[in-house]
C-alpha atoms as a PDB file:
ATOM      1  CA  MET A   1      42.122  -2.993 -53.570  1.00  0.00           C
ATOM      2  CA  ASN A   2      43.802  -1.129 -56.453  1.00  0.00           C
ATOM      3  CA  ASN A   3      47.250  -2.004 -55.107  1.00  0.00           C
ATOM      4  CA  THR A   4      46.500  -5.694 -54.587  1.00  0.00           C
ATOM      5  CA  LYS A   5      48.917  -8.160 -56.148  1.00  0.00           C
ATOM      6  CA  VAL A   6      48.082 -11.774 -56.929  1.00  0.00           C
ATOM      7  CA  PHE A   7      50.601 -14.518 -57.653  1.00  0.00           C
ATOM      8  CA  SER A   8      50.320 -18.148 -58.685  1.00  0.00           C
ATOM      9  CA  ILE A   9      52.608 -20.437 -56.666  1.00  0.00           C
ATOM     10  CA  HIS A  10      53.261 -23.732 -58.462  1.00  0.00           C
ATOM     11  CA  ILE A  11      54.345 -25.961 -55.585  1.00  0.00           C
ATOM     12  CA  ALA A  12      54.611 -29.330 -57.336  1.00  0.00           C
ATOM     13  CA  ASN A  13      52.819 -31.925 -59.424  1.00  0.00           C
ATOM     14  CA  PHE A  14      51.533 -35.301 -58.286  1.00  0.00           C
ATOM     15  CA  LYS A  15      49.880 -38.290 -59.925  1.00  0.00           C
ATOM     16  CA  LEU A  16      46.448 -39.722 -59.234  1.00  0.00           C
ATOM     17  CA  ASP A  17      44.366 -42.403 -60.892  1.00  0.00           C
ATOM     18  CA  GLY A  18      42.380 -41.021 -63.804  1.00  0.00           C
ATOM     19  CA  GLY A  19      39.326 -43.095 -62.961  1.00  0.00           C
ATOM     20  CA  ALA A  20      39.271 -41.710 -59.421  1.00  0.00           C
ATOM     21  CA  MET A  21      39.575 -38.163 -60.719  1.00  0.00           C
ATOM     22  CA  PHE A  22      36.787 -38.465 -63.287  1.00  0.00           C
ATOM     23  CA  GLY A  23      34.372 -40.852 -61.606  1.00  0.00           C
ATOM     24  CA  VAL A  24      31.711 -42.194 -63.964  1.00  0.00           C
ATOM     25  CA  VAL A  25      33.070 -40.358 -67.023  1.00  0.00           C
ATOM     26  CA  PRO A  26      34.570 -42.915 -69.458  1.00  0.00           C
ATOM     27  CA  LYS A  27      38.313 -42.887 -70.019  1.00  0.00           C
ATOM     28  CA  SER A  28      37.751 -42.649 -73.776  1.00  0.00           C
ATOM     29  CA  ILE A  29      36.400 -39.141 -73.157  1.00  0.00           C
ATOM     30  CA  TRP A  30      38.664 -37.682 -70.488  1.00  0.00           C
ATOM     31  CA  GLN A  31      41.982 -39.037 -71.787  1.00  0.00           C
ATOM     32  CA  LYS A  32      41.668 -36.905 -74.928  1.00  0.00           C
ATOM     33  CA  HIS A  33      42.344 -33.863 -72.781  1.00  0.00           C
ATOM     34  CA  TYR A  34      44.001 -35.363 -69.707  1.00  0.00           C
ATOM     35  CA  PRO A  35      46.307 -38.217 -70.770  1.00  0.00           C
ATOM     36  CA  ALA A  36      47.098 -41.116 -68.445  1.00  0.00           C
ATOM     37  CA  ASP A  37      50.273 -43.197 -68.299  1.00  0.00           C
ATOM     38  CA  GLU A  38      50.505 -46.986 -68.489  1.00  0.00           C
ATOM     39  CA  ASN A  39      49.337 -47.206 -64.864  1.00  0.00           C
ATOM     40  CA  ASN A  40      46.286 -45.021 -65.547  1.00  0.00           C
ATOM     41  CA  LEU A  41      47.871 -42.157 -63.596  1.00  0.00           C
ATOM     42  CA  CYS A  42      47.356 -38.543 -64.634  1.00  0.00           C
ATOM     43  CA  ASN A  43      49.650 -35.700 -63.591  1.00  0.00           C
ATOM     44  CA  TRP A  44      48.025 -32.931 -61.544  1.00  0.00           C
ATOM     45  CA  ALA A  45      49.253 -29.603 -60.230  1.00  0.00           C
ATOM     46  CA  LEU A  46      49.478 -28.417 -56.639  1.00  0.00           C
ATOM     47  CA  ARG A  47      48.999 -24.683 -57.068  1.00  0.00           C
ATOM     48  CA  SER A  48      48.512 -22.006 -54.411  1.00  0.00           C
ATOM     49  CA  LEU A  49      47.391 -18.419 -54.798  1.00  0.00           C
ATOM     50  CA  LEU A  50      49.107 -15.567 -52.960  1.00  0.00           C
ATOM     51  CA  VAL A  51      47.120 -12.360 -52.433  1.00  0.00           C
ATOM     52  CA  ASP A  52      49.013  -9.283 -51.195  1.00  0.00           C
ATOM     53  CA  ASN A  53      46.677  -6.373 -50.465  1.00  0.00           C
ATOM     54  CA  GLY A  54      49.392  -4.167 -48.982  1.00  0.00           C
ATOM     55  CA  THR A  55      48.408  -4.965 -45.406  1.00  0.00           C
ATOM     56  CA  GLN A  56      47.966  -8.727 -45.480  1.00  0.00           C
ATOM     57  CA  ARG A  57      49.750 -11.420 -47.423  1.00  0.00           C
ATOM     58  CA  ILE A  58      47.224 -14.221 -47.794  1.00  0.00           C
ATOM     59  CA  LEU A  59      48.143 -17.673 -49.082  1.00  0.00           C
ATOM     60  CA  ILE A  60      45.444 -20.110 -50.192  1.00  0.00           C
ATOM     61  CA  ASP A  61      46.338 -23.796 -49.632  1.00  0.00           C
ATOM     62  CA  ASN A  62      49.900 -25.086 -49.352  1.00  0.00           C
ATOM     63  CA  GLY A  63      50.285 -28.527 -50.929  1.00  0.00           C
ATOM     64  CA  CYS A  64      51.311 -31.854 -49.386  1.00  0.00           C
ATOM     65  CA  GLY A  65      54.360 -30.931 -47.360  1.00  0.00           C
ATOM     66  CA  ASP A  66      57.069 -33.537 -46.730  1.00  0.00           C
ATOM     67  CA  LYS A  67      56.298 -35.105 -43.333  1.00  0.00           C
ATOM     68  CA  GLN A  68      55.087 -38.525 -44.460  1.00  0.00           C
ATOM     69  CA  ASP A  69      57.295 -41.506 -45.179  1.00  0.00           C
ATOM     70  CA  GLU A  70      58.670 -42.858 -48.441  1.00  0.00           C
ATOM     71  CA  LYS A  71      55.823 -45.345 -48.831  1.00  0.00           C
ATOM     72  CA  PHE A  72      53.235 -42.563 -48.596  1.00  0.00           C
ATOM     73  CA  PHE A  73      54.889 -40.491 -51.307  1.00  0.00           C
ATOM     74  CA  SER A  74      55.532 -43.526 -53.516  1.00  0.00           C
ATOM     75  CA  PHE A  75      51.817 -43.464 -54.308  1.00  0.00           C
ATOM     76  CA  LEU A  76      51.884 -39.787 -55.286  1.00  0.00           C
ATOM     77  CA  HIS A  77      54.884 -39.671 -57.658  1.00  0.00           C
ATOM     78  CA  MET A  78      55.740 -36.063 -56.801  1.00  0.00           C
ATOM     79  CA  ASN A  79      57.362 -34.180 -59.659  1.00  0.00           C
ATOM     80  CA  GLY A  80      58.068 -30.694 -60.983  1.00  0.00           C
ATOM     81  CA  GLY A  81      57.120 -27.352 -59.462  1.00  0.00           C
ATOM     82  CA  ASP A  82      59.104 -24.826 -57.436  1.00  0.00           C
ATOM     83  CA  GLY A  83      58.365 -26.111 -53.940  1.00  0.00           C
ATOM     84  CA  LEU A  84      56.422 -24.046 -51.429  1.00  0.00           C
ATOM     85  CA  ALA A  85      59.276 -21.896 -50.117  1.00  0.00           C
ATOM     86  CA  GLY A  86      60.876 -21.800 -53.567  1.00  0.00           C
ATOM     87  CA  GLY A  87      57.673 -20.669 -55.229  1.00  0.00           C
ATOM     88  CA  LEU A  88      57.215 -17.899 -52.677  1.00  0.00           C
ATOM     89  CA  ALA A  89      60.847 -16.834 -53.056  1.00  0.00           C
ATOM     90  CA  LYS A  90      60.409 -16.474 -56.825  1.00  0.00           C
ATOM     91  CA  LYS A  91      57.752 -13.853 -56.089  1.00  0.00           C
ATOM     92  CA  GLY A  92      59.888 -12.124 -53.450  1.00  0.00           C
ATOM     93  CA  TYR A  93      58.298 -13.532 -50.291  1.00  0.00           C
ATOM     94  CA  ARG A  94      59.401 -15.657 -47.333  1.00  0.00           C
ATOM     95  CA  PRO A  95      57.212 -17.968 -45.228  1.00  0.00           C
ATOM     96  CA  GLN A  96      57.458 -15.521 -42.326  1.00  0.00           C
ATOM     97  CA  ASP A  97      55.914 -12.807 -44.523  1.00  0.00           C
ATOM     98  CA  ILE A  98      52.593 -14.640 -44.765  1.00  0.00           C
ATOM     99  CA  THR A  99      49.975 -13.138 -42.440  1.00  0.00           C
ATOM    100  CA  ASP A 100      47.058 -15.428 -43.242  1.00  0.00           C
ATOM    101  CA  MET A 101      46.953 -19.054 -44.392  1.00  0.00           C
ATOM    102  CA  VAL A 102      43.510 -19.875 -45.823  1.00  0.00           C
ATOM    103  CA  LEU A 103      42.822 -23.599 -46.170  1.00  0.00           C
ATOM    104  CA  THR A 104      40.028 -24.617 -48.497  1.00  0.00           C
ATOM    105  CA  HIS A 105      39.797 -27.934 -46.642  1.00  0.00           C
ATOM    106  CA  LEU A 106      41.949 -30.386 -44.709  1.00  0.00           C
ATOM    107  CA  HIS A 107      42.708 -33.130 -47.231  1.00  0.00           C
ATOM    108  CA  PHE A 108      46.459 -33.698 -47.108  1.00  0.00           C
ATOM    109  CA  ASP A 109      47.209 -32.212 -50.540  1.00  0.00           C
ATOM    110  CA  HIS A 110      45.697 -28.879 -49.471  1.00  0.00           C
ATOM    111  CA  CYS A 111      47.058 -28.380 -45.957  1.00  0.00           C
ATOM    112  CA  GLY A 112      50.120 -30.618 -45.475  1.00  0.00           C
ATOM    113  CA  GLY A 113      52.606 -27.906 -46.423  1.00  0.00           C
ATOM    114  CA  GLY A 114      51.583 -25.696 -43.520  1.00  0.00           C
ATOM    115  CA  VAL A 115      53.161 -27.931 -40.855  1.00  0.00           C
ATOM    116  CA  ARG A 116      56.674 -29.382 -40.744  1.00  0.00           C
ATOM    117  CA  TYR A 117      58.936 -31.332 -38.426  1.00  0.00           C
ATOM    118  CA  LYS A 118      61.074 -29.375 -35.992  1.00  0.00           C
ATOM    119  CA  LYS A 119      64.787 -29.608 -36.691  1.00  0.00           C
ATOM    120  CA  ASP A 120      65.195 -32.386 -34.108  1.00  0.00           C
ATOM    121  CA  ARG A 121      62.193 -34.224 -35.657  1.00  0.00           C
ATOM    122  CA  LYS A 122      60.725 -34.659 -32.161  1.00  0.00           C
ATOM    123  CA  GLY A 123      57.659 -32.577 -32.836  1.00  0.00           C
ATOM    124  CA  PHE A 124      55.992 -30.248 -35.320  1.00  0.00           C
ATOM    125  CA  GLU A 125      55.922 -26.525 -35.985  1.00  0.00           C
ATOM    126  CA  LEU A 126      54.047 -24.237 -38.330  1.00  0.00           C
ATOM    127  CA  VAL A 127      55.740 -23.316 -41.609  1.00  0.00           C
ATOM    128  CA  PHE A 128      54.200 -19.829 -41.437  1.00  0.00           C
ATOM    129  CA  PRO A 129      55.066 -18.647 -37.921  1.00  0.00           C
ATOM    130  CA  ASN A 130      53.375 -15.253 -38.194  1.00  0.00           C
ATOM    131  CA  ALA A 131      50.198 -16.390 -39.941  1.00  0.00           C
ATOM    132  CA  THR A 132      46.683 -16.987 -38.762  1.00  0.00           C
ATOM    133  CA  TYR A 133      45.523 -20.339 -40.129  1.00  0.00           C
ATOM    134  CA  TRP A 134      41.925 -20.238 -41.369  1.00  0.00           C
ATOM    135  CA  VAL A 135      39.613 -23.211 -41.996  1.00  0.00           C
ATOM    136  CA  SER A 136      35.846 -23.545 -41.777  1.00  0.00           C
ATOM    137  CA  ARG A 137      34.514 -24.752 -38.442  1.00  0.00           C
ATOM    138  CA  GLN A 138      32.347 -27.243 -40.319  1.00  0.00           C
ATOM    139  CA  GLN A 139      35.372 -28.788 -42.054  1.00  0.00           C
ATOM    140  CA  TRP A 140      37.412 -28.908 -38.847  1.00  0.00           C
ATOM    141  CA  GLU A 141      34.699 -30.718 -36.918  1.00  0.00           C
ATOM    142  CA  TRP A 142      34.112 -33.044 -39.874  1.00  0.00           C
ATOM    143  CA  ALA A 143      37.826 -33.883 -40.123  1.00  0.00           C
ATOM    144  CA  MET A 144      38.210 -34.436 -36.384  1.00  0.00           C
ATOM    145  CA  ASP A 145      35.550 -37.162 -36.585  1.00  0.00           C
ATOM    146  CA  ALA A 146      36.536 -38.469 -40.009  1.00  0.00           C
ATOM    147  CA  ASN A 147      34.291 -40.841 -41.906  1.00  0.00           C
ATOM    148  CA  LYS A 148      35.725 -44.073 -43.310  1.00  0.00           C
ATOM    149  CA  ARG A 149      35.798 -42.725 -46.846  1.00  0.00           C
ATOM    150  CA  GLU A 150      37.901 -39.633 -46.085  1.00  0.00           C
ATOM    151  CA  LYS A 151      39.910 -40.833 -43.092  1.00  0.00           C
ATOM    152  CA  ALA A 152      43.055 -41.513 -45.137  1.00  0.00           C
ATOM    153  CA  SER A 153      43.044 -37.902 -46.369  1.00  0.00           C
ATOM    154  CA  PHE A 154      42.750 -36.289 -42.904  1.00  0.00           C
ATOM    155  CA  LEU A 155      46.134 -36.676 -41.196  1.00  0.00           C
ATOM    156  CA  ASP A 156      46.582 -35.754 -37.528  1.00  0.00           C
ATOM    157  CA  GLU A 157      50.089 -34.424 -38.116  1.00  0.00           C
ATOM    158  CA  ASN A 158      48.682 -31.887 -40.580  1.00  0.00           C
ATOM    159  CA  MET A 159      45.888 -30.697 -38.312  1.00  0.00           C
ATOM    160  CA  ILE A 160      46.645 -31.014 -34.596  1.00  0.00           C
ATOM    161  CA  PRO A 161      49.744 -28.737 -34.665  1.00  0.00           C
ATOM    162  CA  MET A 162      47.575 -25.937 -36.057  1.00  0.00           C
ATOM    163  CA  MET A 163      45.263 -26.148 -33.065  1.00  0.00           C
ATOM    164  CA  ASP A 164      48.114 -26.551 -30.579  1.00  0.00           C
ATOM    165  CA  SER A 165      49.858 -23.454 -31.944  1.00  0.00           C
ATOM    166  CA  GLY A 166      47.005 -21.128 -31.010  1.00  0.00           C
ATOM    167  CA  GLN A 167      47.116 -19.704 -34.540  1.00  0.00           C
ATOM    168  CA  LEU A 168      44.008 -21.484 -35.836  1.00  0.00           C
ATOM    169  CA  LYS A 169      40.791 -19.541 -36.450  1.00  0.00           C
ATOM    170  CA  PHE A 170      37.492 -20.714 -37.824  1.00  0.00           C
ATOM    171  CA  ILE A 171      35.421 -19.437 -40.720  1.00  0.00           C
ATOM    172  CA  GLU A 172      31.814 -19.732 -39.580  1.00  0.00           C
ATOM    173  CA  GLU A 173      29.828 -18.707 -42.651  1.00  0.00           C
ATOM    174  CA  ASP A 174      29.888 -17.115 -46.084  1.00  0.00           C
ATOM    175  CA  GLY A 175      31.129 -13.536 -46.126  1.00  0.00           C
ATOM    176  CA  ASN A 176      34.086 -11.182 -46.364  1.00  0.00           C
ATOM    177  CA  LEU A 177      37.172 -12.531 -44.631  1.00  0.00           C
ATOM    178  CA  PHE A 178      39.389  -9.611 -45.685  1.00  0.00           C
ATOM    179  CA  PRO A 179      38.815  -6.510 -47.826  1.00  0.00           C
ATOM    180  CA  GLY A 180      38.135  -7.723 -51.364  1.00  0.00           C
ATOM    181  CA  PHE A 181      38.408 -11.357 -50.240  1.00  0.00           C
ATOM    182  CA  GLN A 182      35.139 -13.224 -49.836  1.00  0.00           C
ATOM    183  CA  VAL A 183      34.679 -16.868 -48.883  1.00  0.00           C
ATOM    184  CA  ARG A 184      31.804 -19.254 -49.464  1.00  0.00           C
ATOM    185  CA  LEU A 185      31.236 -22.750 -48.115  1.00  0.00           C
ATOM    186  CA  PHE A 186      30.472 -25.759 -50.323  1.00  0.00           C
ATOM    187  CA  ASN A 187      29.622 -29.238 -49.094  1.00  0.00           C
ATOM    188  CA  GLY A 188      29.632 -31.705 -52.001  1.00  0.00           C
ATOM    189  CA  HIS A 189      33.301 -32.612 -52.107  1.00  0.00           C
ATOM    190  CA  THR A 190      33.662 -32.479 -48.332  1.00  0.00           C
ATOM    191  CA  THR A 191      31.772 -30.649 -45.600  1.00  0.00           C
ATOM    192  CA  GLY A 192      32.638 -26.961 -45.296  1.00  0.00           C
ATOM    193  CA  GLN A 193      35.007 -26.579 -48.251  1.00  0.00           C
ATOM    194  CA  VAL A 194      36.023 -22.908 -48.452  1.00  0.00           C
ATOM    195  CA  ILE A 195      36.008 -21.325 -51.916  1.00  0.00           C
ATOM    196  CA  PRO A 196      37.689 -17.868 -52.033  1.00  0.00           C
ATOM    197  CA  PHE A 197      36.458 -15.059 -54.296  1.00  0.00           C
ATOM    198  CA  ILE A 198      39.110 -12.355 -54.784  1.00  0.00           C
ATOM    199  CA  SER A 199      38.425  -8.898 -56.206  1.00  0.00           C
ATOM    200  CA  HIS A 200      41.338  -7.760 -58.364  1.00  0.00           C
ATOM    201  CA  ARG A 201      41.513  -4.956 -60.914  1.00  0.00           C
ATOM    202  CA  GLY A 202      37.809  -5.003 -61.622  1.00  0.00           C
ATOM    203  CA  LYS A 203      37.696  -8.797 -61.898  1.00  0.00           C
ATOM    204  CA  THR A 204      36.673 -11.616 -59.561  1.00  0.00           C
ATOM    205  CA  ILE A 205      39.149 -14.490 -59.351  1.00  0.00           C
ATOM    206  CA  VAL A 206      37.666 -17.680 -57.909  1.00  0.00           C
ATOM    207  CA  TYR A 207      40.049 -20.236 -56.426  1.00  0.00           C
ATOM    208  CA  THR A 208      38.019 -23.311 -57.348  1.00  0.00           C
ATOM    209  CA  ALA A 209      39.933 -25.868 -55.211  1.00  0.00           C
ATOM    210  CA  ASP A 210      38.159 -29.246 -55.374  1.00  0.00           C
ATOM    211  CA  LEU A 211      34.807 -27.837 -56.415  1.00  0.00           C
ATOM    212  CA  ILE A 212      36.251 -27.662 -59.954  1.00  0.00           C
ATOM    213  CA  PRO A 213      39.802 -29.107 -59.813  1.00  0.00           C
ATOM    214  CA  SER A 214      40.459 -28.715 -63.565  1.00  0.00           C
ATOM    215  CA  PHE A 215      38.830 -27.373 -66.696  1.00  0.00           C
ATOM    216  CA  MET A 216      37.737 -30.946 -67.450  1.00  0.00           C
ATOM    217  CA  HIS A 217      35.553 -30.816 -64.320  1.00  0.00           C
ATOM    218  CA  ILE A 218      33.519 -27.833 -65.493  1.00  0.00           C
ATOM    219  CA  PRO A 219      30.707 -29.988 -66.975  1.00  0.00           C
ATOM    220  CA  VAL A 220      28.261 -30.568 -64.137  1.00  0.00           C
ATOM    221  CA  ASN A 221      28.429 -34.384 -64.344  1.00  0.00           C
ATOM    222  CA  TYR A 222      32.263 -34.555 -64.466  1.00  0.00           C
ATOM    223  CA  ASN A 223      33.109 -35.133 -60.827  1.00  0.00           C
ATOM    224  CA  MET A 224      35.726 -36.886 -58.739  1.00  0.00           C
ATOM    225  CA  SER A 225      35.103 -40.209 -57.035  1.00  0.00           C
ATOM    226  CA  PHE A 226      36.448 -38.531 -53.881  1.00  0.00           C
ATOM    227  CA  ASP A 227      33.330 -36.354 -53.490  1.00  0.00           C
ATOM    228  CA  VAL A 228      31.355 -37.474 -50.446  1.00  0.00           C
ATOM    229  CA  ARG A 229      28.082 -36.093 -51.831  1.00  0.00           C
ATOM    230  CA  PRO A 230      28.351 -36.226 -55.640  1.00  0.00           C
ATOM    231  CA  LEU A 231      24.760 -35.151 -56.294  1.00  0.00           C
ATOM    232  CA  LEU A 232      25.288 -32.102 -54.102  1.00  0.00           C
ATOM    233  CA  THR A 233      28.527 -31.345 -55.956  1.00  0.00           C
ATOM    234  CA  MET A 234      26.539 -31.286 -59.196  1.00  0.00           C
ATOM    235  CA  GLU A 235      23.951 -28.956 -57.694  1.00  0.00           C
ATOM    236  CA  GLU A 236      26.601 -26.630 -56.247  1.00  0.00           C
ATOM    237  CA  LYS A 237      28.562 -26.528 -59.479  1.00  0.00           C
ATOM    238  CA  ALA A 238      25.493 -25.793 -61.590  1.00  0.00           C
ATOM    239  CA  GLY A 239      24.574 -22.776 -59.476  1.00  0.00           C
ATOM    240  CA  PHE A 240      28.138 -21.534 -59.260  1.00  0.00           C
ATOM    241  CA  LEU A 241      28.768 -21.845 -63.007  1.00  0.00           C
ATOM    242  CA  GLU A 242      25.621 -19.898 -63.884  1.00  0.00           C
ATOM    243  CA  GLU A 243      26.775 -17.099 -61.588  1.00  0.00           C
ATOM    244  CA  ALA A 244      30.350 -17.283 -62.857  1.00  0.00           C
ATOM    245  CA  LEU A 245      29.247 -17.012 -66.480  1.00  0.00           C
ATOM    246  CA  LYS A 246      26.861 -14.135 -65.757  1.00  0.00           C
ATOM    247  CA  LYS A 247      29.439 -12.181 -63.747  1.00  0.00           C
ATOM    248  CA  ASN A 248      32.417 -13.095 -65.942  1.00  0.00           C
ATOM    249  CA  TYR A 249      34.503 -14.636 -63.163  1.00  0.00           C
ATOM    250  CA  LEU A 250      38.033 -15.869 -63.819  1.00  0.00           C
ATOM    251  CA  LEU A 251      38.450 -19.435 -62.544  1.00  0.00           C
ATOM    252  CA  PHE A 252      41.817 -20.292 -60.973  1.00  0.00           C
ATOM    253  CA  PHE A 253      42.551 -24.028 -60.913  1.00  0.00           C
ATOM    254  CA  GLU A 254      44.500 -25.611 -58.075  1.00  0.00           C
ATOM    255  CA  HIS A 255      45.015 -28.967 -59.781  1.00  0.00           C
ATOM    256  CA  ASP A 256      44.864 -28.428 -63.557  1.00  0.00           C
ATOM    257  CA  LEU A 257      48.382 -29.056 -64.866  1.00  0.00           C
ATOM    258  CA  TYR A 258      47.666 -27.574 -68.279  1.00  0.00           C
ATOM    259  CA  ASN A 259      45.376 -24.618 -67.513  1.00  0.00           C
ATOM    260  CA  GLU A 260      46.022 -22.197 -64.681  1.00  0.00           C
ATOM    261  CA  CYS A 261      42.955 -19.996 -65.223  1.00  0.00           C
ATOM    262  CA  CYS A 262      40.047 -19.778 -67.605  1.00  0.00           C
ATOM    263  CA  SER A 263      37.054 -17.737 -68.636  1.00  0.00           C
ATOM    264  CA  LEU A 264      33.698 -19.333 -69.447  1.00  0.00           C
ATOM    265  CA  LYS A 265      31.252 -19.429 -72.329  1.00  0.00           C
ATOM    266  CA  ASN A 266      27.839 -20.897 -72.987  1.00  0.00           C
ATOM    267  CA  THR A 267      27.616 -23.694 -75.555  1.00  0.00           C
ATOM    268  CA  SER A 268      24.953 -26.065 -76.853  1.00  0.00           C
ATOM    269  CA  LYS A 269      26.306 -28.614 -74.345  1.00  0.00           C
ATOM    270  CA  GLY A 270      26.301 -26.228 -71.397  1.00  0.00           C
ATOM    271  CA  ILE A 271      28.864 -23.945 -69.795  1.00  0.00           C
ATOM    272  CA  ARG A 272      32.414 -24.701 -70.849  1.00  0.00           C
ATOM    273  CA  MET A 273      35.896 -23.169 -70.805  1.00  0.00           C
ATOM    274  CA  ASP A 274      36.269 -20.258 -73.186  1.00  0.00           C
ATOM    275  CA  ARG A 275      39.936 -19.283 -73.057  1.00  0.00           C
ATOM    276  CA  SER A 276      42.846 -20.524 -70.956  1.00  0.00           C
ATOM    277  CA  TYR A 277      45.290 -18.097 -69.328  1.00  0.00           C
ATOM    278  CA  THR A 278      47.960 -17.778 -66.717  1.00  0.00           C
ATOM    279  CA  LEU A 279      47.389 -15.026 -64.151  1.00  0.00           C
ATOM    280  CA  GLU A 280      50.359 -13.179 -65.587  1.00  0.00           C
ATOM    281  CA  GLU A 281      48.980 -13.379 -69.115  1.00  0.00           C
ATOM    282  CA  TYR A 282      45.529 -12.236 -68.080  1.00  0.00           C
ATOM    283  CA  PHE A 283      46.497  -9.250 -65.949  1.00  0.00           C
ATOM    284  CA  GLY A 284      49.736  -8.376 -67.749  1.00  0.00           C
END
C-alpha cells in the first residue's frame, strides 16, 4: 500500500436544521462551534474520499446527485463545493476511472450522486459505468422495506438502478474489502452502515460517515435526531473512540464544513478532537 494515494473530494455543501443535527444538545452549546442562520440552518459538507491503490480507484459516497425536483432541493440550500465530476477532475480522474463505489449507507445525501438521468430523461444510468457498487446487505434489505422514520431518505431512483445495472454487490460482514481497505458495520444511525478503515503511509484513516458526522459529534451524547437507535449509536461511538484514541486513527469527516480530518486526545470530559487537518496538510 506504499503507493496508495488518497484524495478528499468536496462535492458541495447543504443546510440542515441544527436541532435535528444535534438532537438533545442545547443550541446554546452547539452554536458556539457550528453557527446557525436565522432559520436555524447550519451549513454542512458533502465530502467523498477517493482511494487509489494503483489497481483500484475506490470512491466512498457520492453526495446527493441532481435527479430530484426544485422543491426537493429548496429544502437543502445546496451551495459551494466542486461538484462530483468537478472534484474528481481536480484530482485528475474521470467518473469512468472509478472501479469501486463504496456506499456507507443509502440515505440520499450519501448515494444520490451515483445515479443520474439518461440524456433523454426517460430512465436512469450509473454515473460510474465501470464501477462495482458496494453496500451492506443489511442496509439494502433495510432500505428496501423502509421504516416510516427513514422512508423519506431512501429514494427508489437512487437505489433501484444500481440493482438493475448488475453492478451492485453486497458487503456481508466486517473484514477486508480490498488490500489495506477494511470495512465495519454499525447499526445505530441506520442498520448496516459501512465505516471504511484505510491504511495509508503507516496511518489508519477512518471515514466516519454518519457515525461521527462532524467533530462536534465526537462526545458520546452528541448525536443526530436522525439516528434510529440513539442508545446504540452512543455505545458504538464509545467503543470506536477508545480504539481510535489507542491506535491513533485519523478521523475523516464527511459532513464537517470546518474540519476535514482530526486526531484525538483524552481530556477530563472524555475523548475530544486534538488537532484539525486537511488530508493534504497531514500527509504533505
